[in-house]
Amino acid sequence: MTLRTGLAPVLAVAVLLVTMAVALGTGAVAVPVPDVLDVVLRRVGLGDRGVSLLDDQIVWQLRMPRVLGMAAVGAVLGCCGAVLQSLTRNDLADPYLLGLSGGAAVGAVTVIVLGVSVAGFAGPAAVTLAGFAGALAALGLVLLLAVGRSGSLAPTRTVLAGVAVGQACSAYTSLIVIGSGDHDAARRVLTWTLGSGAGFRWGTALLVVGVAVVATLAFSACADHLDAFAFGESSARSLGIEVTRLRWVLLGGTALATAAAVAFAGTIGFVGLVVPHLVRTFTGPRHRLLLPMSALVGATLLVWADTLARSVVDGQEIPVGVVTAAVGVPFFALLLRRSGRSA
């Protein structure tokens, strides 16, 4: 069953807005949804119903940047996952396929454990910059290993290179953490590698929102070309598509967008894997609808996951990756089982 092209995005946007309203009111200090709406409307200049200063500070200053930031990260992961699954023709591909999460972890762990500064920055800013730089360095290494003599990027070679680089990065991070003997540093590394939205502020949230919007629009512009990839490279070439060039552009674009998301929120697994498959069951395989819907559903899923992560245990926040894994692992197992039956 396929939803109508016009109805699906409208419904997805409505669900996302409701989700964000609930998330803004959920936390150690609960704020009713009507009061949340009053705060937002007042801040955007559409009303002034006399909200309290406390509600304004909680909703707008503390929670709104985090909710926006995590929605943007979810959108990036969902959309990039759909692109990579089509490019590689691999149902199990996700945005961390190119070793980006491992490279980002190398940069972040180097700063957290060894206290290295980056471009004069220290603390959280240095961790973010190092994570972004590490992800890009991992991408460069993967592409260097995967590219053929003709300059082509074979999907199988790219996946294998990503796995190899990811394993090397994992070995480095484990060695650094174990060798440091610093339990507090190990705890901070674990929190970062499993993902968190606690570091988002207005500036960083708006930056990631910008990345998500640009990435979704750019990938959606290539929707027809991605549809052609579903029939194989030979079919795509027969339609006049420059396969090698398009693959380079899309792999680079997904890598840059994912690196930005990972740098601010850490590595959050399963969103980019689960969301595209979930969306396809409702919208079908056409990328003109699949890509924006994957972004919207990814945003909704990650906002819910982050809300649960910071509210399910009183006085304690659990990593977002724990929540997404709780949802993603059963789906992953189901996907493997279905693939095995069809093989």
C-alpha atoms as a PDB file:
ATOM      1  CA  MET A   1       0.000   0.000   0.000  1.00  0.00           C
ATOM      2  CA  THR A   2       1.423   3.366  -1.048  1.00  0.00           C
ATOM      3  CA  LEU A   3       0.495   6.692   0.488  1.00  0.00           C
ATOM      4  CA  ARG A   4      -0.355   9.525  -1.828  1.00  0.00           C
ATOM      5  CA  THR A   5       2.621  11.658  -2.705  1.00  0.00           C
ATOM      6  CA  GLY A   6       1.015  14.854  -1.415  1.00  0.00           C
ATOM      7  CA  LEU A   7      -0.427  13.382   1.789  1.00  0.00           C
ATOM      8  CA  ALA A   8       2.648  11.565   3.117  1.00  0.00           C
ATOM      9  CA  PRO A   9       4.927  14.605   3.660  1.00  0.00           C
ATOM     10  CA  VAL A  10       2.100  16.663   5.190  1.00  0.00           C
ATOM     11  CA  LEU A  11       1.316  13.878   7.649  1.00  0.00           C
ATOM     12  CA  ALA A  12       5.014  13.394   8.441  1.00  0.00           C
ATOM     13  CA  VAL A  13       5.494  17.127   9.116  1.00  0.00           C
ATOM     14  CA  ALA A  14       2.450  17.161  11.398  1.00  0.00           C
ATOM     15  CA  VAL A  15       3.747  14.165  13.377  1.00  0.00           C
ATOM     16  CA  LEU A  16       7.179  15.790  13.683  1.00  0.00           C
ATOM     17  CA  LEU A  17       5.709  19.062  14.997  1.00  0.00           C
ATOM     18  CA  VAL A  18       3.587  17.223  17.566  1.00  0.00           C
ATOM     19  CA  THR A  19       6.621  15.184  18.601  1.00  0.00           C
ATOM     20  CA  MET A  20       8.710  18.320  19.070  1.00  0.00           C
ATOM     21  CA  ALA A  21       5.964  19.978  21.134  1.00  0.00           C
ATOM     22  CA  VAL A  22       5.770  16.955  23.432  1.00  0.00           C
ATOM     23  CA  ALA A  23       9.573  16.780  23.698  1.00  0.00           C
ATOM     24  CA  LEU A  24       9.798  20.474  24.631  1.00  0.00           C
ATOM     25  CA  GLY A  25       7.427  19.895  27.526  1.00  0.00           C
ATOM     26  CA  THR A  26       9.019  16.683  28.785  1.00  0.00           C
ATOM     27  CA  GLY A  27      11.806  16.599  31.341  1.00  0.00           C
ATOM     28  CA  ALA A  28      12.647  17.029  35.003  1.00  0.00           C
ATOM     29  CA  VAL A  29      10.351  20.067  34.991  1.00  0.00           C
ATOM     30  CA  ALA A  30       7.225  19.280  32.985  1.00  0.00           C
ATOM     31  CA  VAL A  31       5.675  22.053  30.911  1.00  0.00           C
ATOM     32  CA  PRO A  32       2.136  21.539  29.508  1.00  0.00           C
ATOM     33  CA  VAL A  33       1.940  21.480  25.708  1.00  0.00           C
ATOM     34  CA  PRO A  34      -0.342  24.583  25.584  1.00  0.00           C
ATOM     35  CA  ASP A  35       2.297  26.516  27.546  1.00  0.00           C
ATOM     36  CA  VAL A  36       4.986  25.210  25.174  1.00  0.00           C
ATOM     37  CA  LEU A  37       3.006  26.546  22.234  1.00  0.00           C
ATOM     38  CA  ASP A  38       2.563  29.899  23.988  1.00  0.00           C
ATOM     39  CA  VAL A  39       6.319  30.195  24.509  1.00  0.00           C
ATOM     40  CA  VAL A  40       7.096  29.336  20.881  1.00  0.00           C
ATOM     41  CA  LEU A  41       4.437  31.672  19.477  1.00  0.00           C
ATOM     42  CA  ARG A  42       5.659  34.500  21.686  1.00  0.00           C
ATOM     43  CA  ARG A  43       9.266  33.971  20.624  1.00  0.00           C
ATOM     44  CA  VAL A  44       8.419  33.996  16.910  1.00  0.00           C
ATOM     45  CA  GLY A  45       6.255  37.106  17.297  1.00  0.00           C
ATOM     46  CA  LEU A  46       2.840  35.498  16.705  1.00  0.00           C
ATOM     47  CA  GLY A  47       1.368  36.084  20.140  1.00  0.00           C
ATOM     48  CA  ASP A  48       2.021  37.235  23.685  1.00  0.00           C
ATOM     49  CA  ARG A  49      -0.112  35.429  26.233  1.00  0.00           C
ATOM     50  CA  GLY A  50       2.096  36.194  29.211  1.00  0.00           C
ATOM     51  CA  VAL A  51       4.172  33.057  29.697  1.00  0.00           C
ATOM     52  CA  SER A  52       6.237  32.684  32.853  1.00  0.00           C
ATOM     53  CA  LEU A  53       9.956  33.444  32.785  1.00  0.00           C
ATOM     54  CA  LEU A  54      10.746  29.920  34.020  1.00  0.00           C
ATOM     55  CA  ASP A  55       8.759  28.250  31.222  1.00  0.00           C
ATOM     56  CA  ASP A  56      10.373  30.532  28.678  1.00  0.00           C
ATOM     57  CA  GLN A  57      13.879  29.675  29.860  1.00  0.00           C
ATOM     58  CA  ILE A  58      13.212  25.932  30.015  1.00  0.00           C
ATOM     59  CA  VAL A  59      11.421  25.611  26.687  1.00  0.00           C
ATOM     60  CA  TRP A  60      13.251  28.134  24.520  1.00  0.00           C
ATOM     61  CA  GLN A  61      16.751  28.373  25.957  1.00  0.00           C
ATOM     62  CA  LEU A  62      17.350  24.854  27.278  1.00  0.00           C
ATOM     63  CA  ARG A  63      15.209  22.397  25.338  1.00  0.00           C
ATOM     64  CA  MET A  64      14.553  23.992  21.947  1.00  0.00           C
ATOM     65  CA  PRO A  65      18.206  23.899  20.728  1.00  0.00           C
ATOM     66  CA  ARG A  66      18.502  20.267  21.752  1.00  0.00           C
ATOM     67  CA  VAL A  67      15.229  19.237  20.116  1.00  0.00           C
ATOM     68  CA  LEU A  68      16.058  21.103  16.902  1.00  0.00           C
ATOM     69  CA  GLY A  69      19.594  19.707  16.843  1.00  0.00           C
ATOM     70  CA  MET A  70      18.523  16.102  17.342  1.00  0.00           C
ATOM     71  CA  ALA A  71      15.751  16.449  14.758  1.00  0.00           C
ATOM     72  CA  ALA A  72      18.353  17.697  12.264  1.00  0.00           C
ATOM     73  CA  VAL A  73      20.726  14.835  13.091  1.00  0.00           C
ATOM     74  CA  GLY A  74      17.912  12.326  12.614  1.00  0.00           C
ATOM     75  CA  ALA A  75      17.016  13.906   9.274  1.00  0.00           C
ATOM     76  CA  VAL A  76      20.627  13.696   8.081  1.00  0.00           C
ATOM     77  CA  LEU A  77      21.019  10.056   9.126  1.00  0.00           C
ATOM     78  CA  GLY A  78      17.685   8.982   7.643  1.00  0.00           C
ATOM     79  CA  CYS A  79      18.221  10.706   4.298  1.00  0.00           C
ATOM     80  CA  CYS A  80      21.879   9.665   3.967  1.00  0.00           C
ATOM     81  CA  GLY A  81      20.954   6.075   4.803  1.00  0.00           C
ATOM     82  CA  ALA A  82      18.444   6.005   1.947  1.00  0.00           C
ATOM     83  CA  VAL A  83      21.025   7.417  -0.487  1.00  0.00           C
ATOM     84  CA  LEU A  84      23.735   4.935   0.498  1.00  0.00           C
ATOM     85  CA  GLN A  85      21.426   1.932   0.338  1.00  0.00           C
ATOM     86  CA  SER A  86      20.580   2.894  -3.234  1.00  0.00           C
ATOM     87  CA  LEU A  87      24.156   3.715  -4.268  1.00  0.00           C
ATOM     88  CA  THR A  88      25.600   0.462  -2.927  1.00  0.00           C
ATOM     89  CA  ARG A  89      22.489  -1.631  -3.613  1.00  0.00           C
ATOM     90  CA  ASN A  90      22.971  -2.970  -0.094  1.00  0.00           C
ATOM     91  CA  ASP A  91      19.946  -3.167   2.212  1.00  0.00           C
ATOM     92  CA  LEU A  92      22.210  -3.108   5.258  1.00  0.00           C
ATOM     93  CA  ALA A  93      24.095   0.070   4.359  1.00  0.00           C
ATOM     94  CA  ASP A  94      23.914   3.048   6.725  1.00  0.00           C
ATOM     95  CA  PRO A  95      25.633   6.473   6.997  1.00  0.00           C
ATOM     96  CA  TYR A  96      28.544   4.989   8.972  1.00  0.00           C
ATOM     97  CA  LEU A  97      29.369   2.615   6.127  1.00  0.00           C
ATOM     98  CA  LEU A  98      32.434   4.655   5.104  1.00  0.00           C
ATOM     99  CA  GLY A  99      34.182   4.435   8.468  1.00  0.00           C
ATOM    100  CA  LEU A 100      32.985   7.908   9.459  1.00  0.00           C
ATOM    101  CA  SER A 101      31.935   6.967  12.975  1.00  0.00           C
ATOM    102  CA  GLY A 102      35.313   5.347  13.644  1.00  0.00           C
ATOM    103  CA  GLY A 103      37.222   8.335  12.294  1.00  0.00           C
ATOM    104  CA  ALA A 104      35.111  10.753  14.326  1.00  0.00           C
ATOM    105  CA  ALA A 105      35.723   8.640  17.427  1.00  0.00           C
ATOM    106  CA  VAL A 106      39.492   8.791  16.831  1.00  0.00           C
ATOM    107  CA  GLY A 107      39.401  12.580  16.776  1.00  0.00           C
ATOM    108  CA  ALA A 108      37.076  12.893  19.766  1.00  0.00           C
ATOM    109  CA  VAL A 109      38.921  10.330  21.885  1.00  0.00           C
ATOM    110  CA  THR A 110      42.269  11.969  21.167  1.00  0.00           C
ATOM    111  CA  VAL A 111      40.930  15.235  22.584  1.00  0.00           C
ATOM    112  CA  ILE A 112      38.989  13.729  25.501  1.00  0.00           C
ATOM    113  CA  VAL A 113      41.708  11.368  26.731  1.00  0.00           C
ATOM    114  CA  LEU A 114      44.926  13.137  25.720  1.00  0.00           C
ATOM    115  CA  GLY A 115      43.658  16.686  26.181  1.00  0.00           C
ATOM    116  CA  VAL A 116      44.832  17.814  22.737  1.00  0.00           C
ATOM    117  CA  SER A 117      43.622  21.233  21.595  1.00  0.00           C
ATOM    118  CA  VAL A 118      42.367  21.806  18.038  1.00  0.00           C
ATOM    119  CA  ALA A 119      42.971  25.096  16.218  1.00  0.00           C
ATOM    120  CA  GLY A 120      43.326  26.838  19.551  1.00  0.00           C
ATOM    121  CA  PHE A 121      40.052  25.435  20.900  1.00  0.00           C
ATOM    122  CA  ALA A 122      39.733  23.240  23.971  1.00  0.00           C
ATOM    123  CA  GLY A 123      36.919  21.383  25.710  1.00  0.00           C
ATOM    124  CA  PRO A 124      33.644  20.608  23.872  1.00  0.00           C
ATOM    125  CA  ALA A 125      34.555  22.817  20.898  1.00  0.00           C
ATOM    126  CA  ALA A 126      37.790  20.910  20.400  1.00  0.00           C
ATOM    127  CA  VAL A 127      35.937  17.575  20.632  1.00  0.00           C
ATOM    128  CA  THR A 128      33.487  18.704  17.943  1.00  0.00           C
ATOM    129  CA  LEU A 129      36.194  19.957  15.586  1.00  0.00           C
ATOM    130  CA  ALA A 130      38.323  16.856  16.146  1.00  0.00           C
ATOM    131  CA  GLY A 131      35.342  14.577  15.510  1.00  0.00           C
ATOM    132  CA  PHE A 132      34.578  16.348  12.230  1.00  0.00           C
ATOM    133  CA  ALA A 133      38.221  16.276  11.131  1.00  0.00           C
ATOM    134  CA  GLY A 134      38.543  12.600  12.070  1.00  0.00           C
ATOM    135  CA  ALA A 135      35.457  11.684  10.059  1.00  0.00           C
ATOM    136  CA  LEU A 136      36.770  13.481   6.979  1.00  0.00           C
ATOM    137  CA  ALA A 137      40.199  11.867   7.373  1.00  0.00           C
ATOM    138  CA  ALA A 138      38.562   8.425   7.563  1.00  0.00           C
ATOM    139  CA  LEU A 139      36.569   9.210   4.424  1.00  0.00           C
ATOM    140  CA  GLY A 140      39.727  10.218   2.569  1.00  0.00           C
ATOM    141  CA  LEU A 141      41.440   6.988   3.554  1.00  0.00           C
ATOM    142  CA  VAL A 142      38.443   4.882   2.529  1.00  0.00           C
ATOM    143  CA  LEU A 143      38.232   6.526  -0.877  1.00  0.00           C
ATOM    144  CA  LEU A 144      41.984   6.156  -1.365  1.00  0.00           C
ATOM    145  CA  LEU A 145      41.718   2.420  -0.683  1.00  0.00           C
ATOM    146  CA  ALA A 146      38.528   1.901  -2.693  1.00  0.00           C
ATOM    147  CA  VAL A 147      39.212   3.845  -5.890  1.00  0.00           C
ATOM    148  CA  GLY A 148      40.184   1.759  -8.895  1.00  0.00           C
ATOM    149  CA  ARG A 149      42.800   2.574 -11.498  1.00  0.00           C
ATOM    150  CA  SER A 150      40.152   4.097 -13.747  1.00  0.00           C
ATOM    151  CA  GLY A 151      38.958   6.357 -10.968  1.00  0.00           C
ATOM    152  CA  SER A 152      35.768   4.358 -10.409  1.00  0.00           C
ATOM    153  CA  LEU A 153      34.318   3.530  -6.997  1.00  0.00           C
ATOM    154  CA  ALA A 154      33.040  -0.028  -6.946  1.00  0.00           C
ATOM    155  CA  PRO A 155      30.396  -0.466  -4.226  1.00  0.00           C
ATOM    156  CA  THR A 156      31.914  -3.690  -2.891  1.00  0.00           C
ATOM    157  CA  ARG A 157      35.421  -2.218  -2.615  1.00  0.00           C
ATOM    158  CA  THR A 158      34.044   0.894  -0.934  1.00  0.00           C
ATOM    159  CA  VAL A 159      32.155  -1.128   1.680  1.00  0.00           C
ATOM    160  CA  LEU A 160      35.174  -3.325   2.412  1.00  0.00           C
ATOM    161  CA  ALA A 161      37.454  -0.297   2.699  1.00  0.00           C
ATOM    162  CA  GLY A 162      34.979   1.308   5.108  1.00  0.00           C
ATOM    163  CA  VAL A 163      34.927  -1.811   7.273  1.00  0.00           C
ATOM    164  CA  ALA A 164      38.744  -1.983   7.338  1.00  0.00           C
ATOM    165  CA  VAL A 165      39.162   1.687   8.261  1.00  0.00           C
ATOM    166  CA  GLY A 166      36.429   1.431  10.884  1.00  0.00           C
ATOM    167  CA  GLN A 167      38.152  -1.543  12.530  1.00  0.00           C
ATOM    168  CA  ALA A 168      41.502   0.249  12.556  1.00  0.00           C
ATOM    169  CA  CYS A 169      39.901   3.311  14.172  1.00  0.00           C
ATOM    170  CA  SER A 170      38.176   1.122  16.752  1.00  0.00           C
ATOM    171  CA  ALA A 171      41.486  -0.493  17.673  1.00  0.00           C
ATOM    172  CA  TYR A 172      43.087   2.949  18.136  1.00  0.00           C
ATOM    173  CA  THR A 173      40.322   4.269  20.365  1.00  0.00           C
ATOM    174  CA  SER A 174      40.329   1.109  22.516  1.00  0.00           C
ATOM    175  CA  LEU A 175      44.106   1.292  22.932  1.00  0.00           C
ATOM    176  CA  ILE A 176      44.020   4.967  23.936  1.00  0.00           C
ATOM    177  CA  VAL A 177      41.192   4.528  26.447  1.00  0.00           C
ATOM    178  CA  ILE A 178      42.665   1.408  28.056  1.00  0.00           C
ATOM    179  CA  GLY A 179      46.165   2.871  28.136  1.00  0.00           C
ATOM    180  CA  SER A 180      45.057   6.094  29.812  1.00  0.00           C
ATOM    181  CA  GLY A 181      43.766   4.415  32.975  1.00  0.00           C
ATOM    182  CA  ASP A 182      41.432   7.391  33.432  1.00  0.00           C
ATOM    183  CA  HIS A 183      37.980   6.078  34.376  1.00  0.00           C
ATOM    184  CA  ASP A 184      36.349   9.479  34.008  1.00  0.00           C
ATOM    185  CA  ALA A 185      37.742   9.847  30.485  1.00  0.00           C
ATOM    186  CA  ALA A 186      36.519   6.345  29.624  1.00  0.00           C
ATOM    187  CA  ARG A 187      33.026   7.288  30.803  1.00  0.00           C
ATOM    188  CA  ARG A 188      33.033  10.460  28.699  1.00  0.00           C
ATOM    189  CA  VAL A 189      34.263   8.534  25.657  1.00  0.00           C
ATOM    190  CA  LEU A 190      31.492   5.957  26.096  1.00  0.00           C
ATOM    191  CA  THR A 191      28.876   8.694  26.359  1.00  0.00           C
ATOM    192  CA  TRP A 192      30.166  10.393  23.195  1.00  0.00           C
ATOM    193  CA  THR A 193      30.414   7.197  21.161  1.00  0.00           C
ATOM    194  CA  LEU A 194      26.814   6.257  22.018  1.00  0.00           C
ATOM    195  CA  GLY A 195      25.473   9.701  21.186  1.00  0.00           C
ATOM    196  CA  SER A 196      23.998  12.602  23.137  1.00  0.00           C
ATOM    197  CA  GLY A 197      22.148  15.819  22.423  1.00  0.00           C
ATOM    198  CA  ALA A 198      23.288  17.536  25.602  1.00  0.00           C
ATOM    199  CA  GLY A 199      25.905  19.647  23.824  1.00  0.00           C
ATOM    200  CA  PHE A 200      23.528  21.469  21.492  1.00  0.00           C
ATOM    201  CA  ARG A 201      23.188  25.244  21.841  1.00  0.00           C
ATOM    202  CA  TRP A 202      21.386  27.628  19.534  1.00  0.00           C
ATOM    203  CA  GLY A 203      24.400  28.231  17.294  1.00  0.00           C
ATOM    204  CA  THR A 204      25.273  24.574  16.812  1.00  0.00           C
ATOM    205  CA  ALA A 205      21.634  23.511  16.466  1.00  0.00           C
ATOM    206  CA  LEU A 206      20.977  26.017  13.681  1.00  0.00           C
ATOM    207  CA  LEU A 207      24.176  24.936  11.925  1.00  0.00           C
ATOM    208  CA  VAL A 208      23.114  21.281  11.864  1.00  0.00           C
ATOM    209  CA  VAL A 209      19.581  22.268  10.806  1.00  0.00           C
ATOM    210  CA  GLY A 210      21.139  24.103   7.863  1.00  0.00           C
ATOM    211  CA  VAL A 211      23.188  21.020   6.963  1.00  0.00           C
ATOM    212  CA  ALA A 212      20.072  18.834   7.124  1.00  0.00           C
ATOM    213  CA  VAL A 213      18.015  21.140   4.898  1.00  0.00           C
ATOM    214  CA  VAL A 214      20.759  21.563   2.290  1.00  0.00           C
ATOM    215  CA  ALA A 215      21.558  17.843   2.235  1.00  0.00           C
ATOM    216  CA  THR A 216      17.916  16.788   1.873  1.00  0.00           C
ATOM    217  CA  LEU A 217      17.271  19.256  -0.951  1.00  0.00           C
ATOM    218  CA  ALA A 218      20.507  18.357  -2.747  1.00  0.00           C
ATOM    219  CA  PHE A 219      19.914  14.610  -2.568  1.00  0.00           C
ATOM    220  CA  SER A 220      16.265  15.018  -3.576  1.00  0.00           C
ATOM    221  CA  ALA A 221      17.459  16.835  -6.711  1.00  0.00           C
ATOM    222  CA  CYS A 222      19.213  13.578  -7.676  1.00  0.00           C
ATOM    223  CA  ALA A 223      16.125  11.438  -7.009  1.00  0.00           C
ATOM    224  CA  ASP A 224      15.589  10.386 -10.636  1.00  0.00           C
ATOM    225  CA  HIS A 225      19.228   9.362 -10.990  1.00  0.00           C
ATOM    226  CA  LEU A 226      19.002   7.280  -7.814  1.00  0.00           C
ATOM    227  CA  ASP A 227      15.904   5.565  -9.223  1.00  0.00           C
ATOM    228  CA  ALA A 228      18.001   4.539 -12.207  1.00  0.00           C
ATOM    229  CA  PHE A 229      20.628   2.982  -9.916  1.00  0.00           C
ATOM    230  CA  ALA A 230      17.982   0.517  -8.734  1.00  0.00           C
ATOM    231  CA  PHE A 231      18.204  -1.198 -12.126  1.00  0.00           C
ATOM    232  CA  GLY A 232      22.003  -1.446 -12.065  1.00  0.00           C
ATOM    233  CA  GLU A 233      24.896   0.620 -13.370  1.00  0.00           C
ATOM    234  CA  SER A 234      24.440  -0.545 -16.977  1.00  0.00           C
ATOM    235  CA  SER A 235      20.861   0.701 -17.026  1.00  0.00           C
ATOM    236  CA  ALA A 236      21.903   3.987 -15.433  1.00  0.00           C
ATOM    237  CA  ARG A 237      24.609   4.526 -18.071  1.00  0.00           C
ATOM    238  CA  SER A 238      22.144   3.754 -20.854  1.00  0.00           C
ATOM    239  CA  LEU A 239      20.022   6.636 -19.566  1.00  0.00           C
ATOM    240  CA  GLY A 240      22.951   9.034 -19.921  1.00  0.00           C
ATOM    241  CA  ILE A 241      23.940   9.148 -16.256  1.00  0.00           C
ATOM    242  CA  GLU A 242      27.642   9.594 -15.462  1.00  0.00           C
ATOM    243  CA  VAL A 243      27.745   6.809 -12.910  1.00  0.00           C
ATOM    244  CA  THR A 244      31.287   7.327 -11.600  1.00  0.00           C
ATOM    245  CA  ARG A 245      30.937  11.075 -11.218  1.00  0.00           C
ATOM    246  CA  LEU A 246      27.517  10.808  -9.535  1.00  0.00           C
ATOM    247  CA  ARG A 247      28.769   8.174  -7.108  1.00  0.00           C
ATOM    248  CA  TRP A 248      31.721  10.388  -6.116  1.00  0.00           C
ATOM    249  CA  VAL A 249      29.439  13.375  -5.580  1.00  0.00           C
ATOM    250  CA  LEU A 250      26.826  11.494  -3.565  1.00  0.00           C
ATOM    251  CA  LEU A 251      29.333   9.601  -1.441  1.00  0.00           C
ATOM    252  CA  GLY A 252      31.134  12.858  -0.689  1.00  0.00           C
ATOM    253  CA  GLY A 253      27.871  14.625   0.113  1.00  0.00           C
ATOM    254  CA  THR A 254      26.598  11.919   2.453  1.00  0.00           C
ATOM    255  CA  ALA A 255      29.997  11.792   4.154  1.00  0.00           C
ATOM    256  CA  LEU A 256      30.122  15.554   4.762  1.00  0.00           C
ATOM    257  CA  ALA A 257      26.563  15.665   6.102  1.00  0.00           C
ATOM    258  CA  THR A 258      27.109  12.636   8.339  1.00  0.00           C
ATOM    259  CA  ALA A 259      30.418  14.011   9.601  1.00  0.00           C
ATOM    260  CA  ALA A 260      28.688  17.224  10.670  1.00  0.00           C
ATOM    261  CA  ALA A 261      25.983  15.261  12.494  1.00  0.00           C
ATOM    262  CA  VAL A 262      28.478  12.957  14.210  1.00  0.00           C
ATOM    263  CA  ALA A 263      30.711  15.843  15.269  1.00  0.00           C
ATOM    264  CA  PHE A 264      27.919  17.443  17.320  1.00  0.00           C
ATOM    265  CA  ALA A 265      25.889  14.459  18.527  1.00  0.00           C
ATOM    266  CA  GLY A 266      28.315  11.528  18.561  1.00  0.00           C
ATOM    267  CA  THR A 267      27.666   8.212  16.832  1.00  0.00           C
ATOM    268  CA  ILE A 268      23.995   7.237  16.981  1.00  0.00           C
ATOM    269  CA  GLY A 269      23.417   3.878  15.383  1.00  0.00           C
ATOM    270  CA  PHE A 270      20.561   2.225  13.517  1.00  0.00           C
ATOM    271  CA  VAL A 271      18.646   5.395  12.513  1.00  0.00           C
ATOM    272  CA  GLY A 272      20.144   5.470   9.019  1.00  0.00           C
ATOM    273  CA  LEU A 273      19.609   1.727   8.639  1.00  0.00           C
ATOM    274  CA  VAL A 274      16.070   1.380   9.976  1.00  0.00           C
ATOM    275  CA  VAL A 275      14.349   4.544   8.737  1.00  0.00           C
ATOM    276  CA  PRO A 276      14.697   4.070   4.929  1.00  0.00           C
ATOM    277  CA  HIS A 277      13.297   0.530   5.149  1.00  0.00           C
ATOM    278  CA  LEU A 278      10.438   1.690   7.362  1.00  0.00           C
ATOM    279  CA  VAL A 279       9.583   4.513   4.966  1.00  0.00           C
ATOM    280  CA  ARG A 280       9.680   2.263   1.879  1.00  0.00           C
ATOM    281  CA  THR A 281       6.907   0.094   3.320  1.00  0.00           C
ATOM    282  CA  PHE A 282       4.562   3.110   3.174  1.00  0.00           C
ATOM    283  CA  THR A 283       5.807   5.222   0.269  1.00  0.00           C
ATOM    284  CA  GLY A 284       7.367   2.739  -2.141  1.00  0.00           C
ATOM    285  CA  PRO A 285      10.887   2.918  -3.625  1.00  0.00           C
ATOM    286  CA  ARG A 286      10.672   6.178  -5.610  1.00  0.00           C
ATOM    287  CA  HIS A 287      13.361   8.507  -4.258  1.00  0.00           C
ATOM    288  CA  ARG A 288      11.452  11.717  -4.948  1.00  0.00           C
ATOM    289  CA  LEU A 289       9.251  10.790  -1.983  1.00  0.00           C
ATOM    290  CA  LEU A 290      11.565   8.389  -0.154  1.00  0.00           C
ATOM    291  CA  LEU A 291      14.325  10.922   0.569  1.00  0.00           C
ATOM    292  CA  PRO A 292      12.290  13.757   2.151  1.00  0.00           C
ATOM    293  CA  MET A 293      10.162  11.227   4.021  1.00  0.00           C
ATOM    294  CA  SER A 294      13.283   9.489   5.366  1.00  0.00           C
ATOM    295  CA  ALA A 295      14.497  12.864   6.621  1.00  0.00           C
ATOM    296  CA  LEU A 296      11.184  13.635   8.347  1.00  0.00           C
ATOM    297  CA  VAL A 297      10.765  10.175   9.873  1.00  0.00           C
ATOM    298  CA  GLY A 298      14.426  10.122  10.954  1.00  0.00           C
ATOM    299  CA  ALA A 299      13.943  13.476  12.669  1.00  0.00           C
ATOM    300  CA  THR A 300      10.818  12.244  14.468  1.00  0.00           C
ATOM    301  CA  LEU A 301      12.431   8.975  15.562  1.00  0.00           C
ATOM    302  CA  LEU A 302      15.523  10.651  16.979  1.00  0.00           C
ATOM    303  CA  VAL A 303      13.555  13.324  18.858  1.00  0.00           C
ATOM    304  CA  TRP A 304      11.529  10.576  20.526  1.00  0.00           C
ATOM    305  CA  ALA A 305      14.706   8.593  21.283  1.00  0.00           C
ATOM    306  CA  ASP A 306      16.399  11.643  22.800  1.00  0.00           C
ATOM    307  CA  THR A 307      13.323  12.470  24.867  1.00  0.00           C
ATOM    308  CA  LEU A 308      13.267   8.949  26.276  1.00  0.00           C
ATOM    309  CA  ALA A 309      17.019   9.045  26.895  1.00  0.00           C
ATOM    310  CA  ARG A 310      16.772  12.129  29.109  1.00  0.00           C
ATOM    311  CA  SER A 311      13.519  11.302  30.899  1.00  0.00           C
ATOM    312  CA  VAL A 312      13.152   7.540  31.314  1.00  0.00           C
ATOM    313  CA  VAL A 313      15.470   7.435  34.362  1.00  0.00           C
ATOM    314  CA  ASP A 314      14.934  10.097  37.020  1.00  0.00           C
ATOM    315  CA  GLY A 315      17.971  12.302  37.535  1.00  0.00           C
ATOM    316  CA  GLN A 316      20.076  10.496  34.951  1.00  0.00           C
ATOM    317  CA  GLU A 317      20.487  10.645  31.191  1.00  0.00           C
ATOM    318  CA  ILE A 318      21.237   7.526  29.205  1.00  0.00           C
ATOM    319  CA  PRO A 319      22.987   7.627  25.803  1.00  0.00           C
ATOM    320  CA  VAL A 320      20.669   8.064  22.825  1.00  0.00           C
ATOM    321  CA  GLY A 321      22.384   5.176  21.060  1.00  0.00           C
ATOM    322  CA  VAL A 322      21.056   2.794  23.719  1.00  0.00           C
ATOM    323  CA  VAL A 323      17.483   3.783  22.866  1.00  0.00           C
ATOM    324  CA  THR A 324      17.962   3.608  19.086  1.00  0.00           C
ATOM    325  CA  ALA A 325      19.671   0.222  19.440  1.00  0.00           C
ATOM    326  CA  ALA A 326      16.711  -1.088  21.441  1.00  0.00           C
ATOM    327  CA  VAL A 327      14.526  -0.270  18.439  1.00  0.00           C
ATOM    328  CA  GLY A 328      17.065  -0.972  15.705  1.00  0.00           C
ATOM    329  CA  VAL A 329      18.398  -4.375  16.761  1.00  0.00           C
ATOM    330  CA  PRO A 330      15.040  -6.199  16.522  1.00  0.00           C
ATOM    331  CA  PHE A 331      14.376  -4.529  13.168  1.00  0.00           C
ATOM    332  CA  PHE A 332      17.875  -5.443  11.981  1.00  0.00           C
ATOM    333  CA  ALA A 333      17.287  -9.076  12.966  1.00  0.00           C
ATOM    334  CA  LEU A 334      13.945  -9.083  11.148  1.00  0.00           C
ATOM    335  CA  LEU A 335      15.582  -7.615   8.051  1.00  0.00           C
ATOM    336  CA  LEU A 336      18.283 -10.285   8.079  1.00  0.00           C
ATOM    337  CA  ARG A 337      15.677 -13.001   8.443  1.00  0.00           C
ATOM    338  CA  ARG A 338      13.619 -11.660   5.547  1.00  0.00           C
ATOM    339  CA  SER A 339      16.777 -11.403   3.407  1.00  0.00           C
ATOM    340  CA  GLY A 340      17.615 -14.999   4.230  1.00  0.00           C
ATOM    341  CA  ARG A 341      14.187 -16.238   3.184  1.00  0.00           C
ATOM    342  CA  SER A 342      14.358 -14.419  -0.148  1.00  0.00           C
ATOM    343  CA  ALA A 343      17.903 -15.629  -0.923  1.00  0.00           C
END
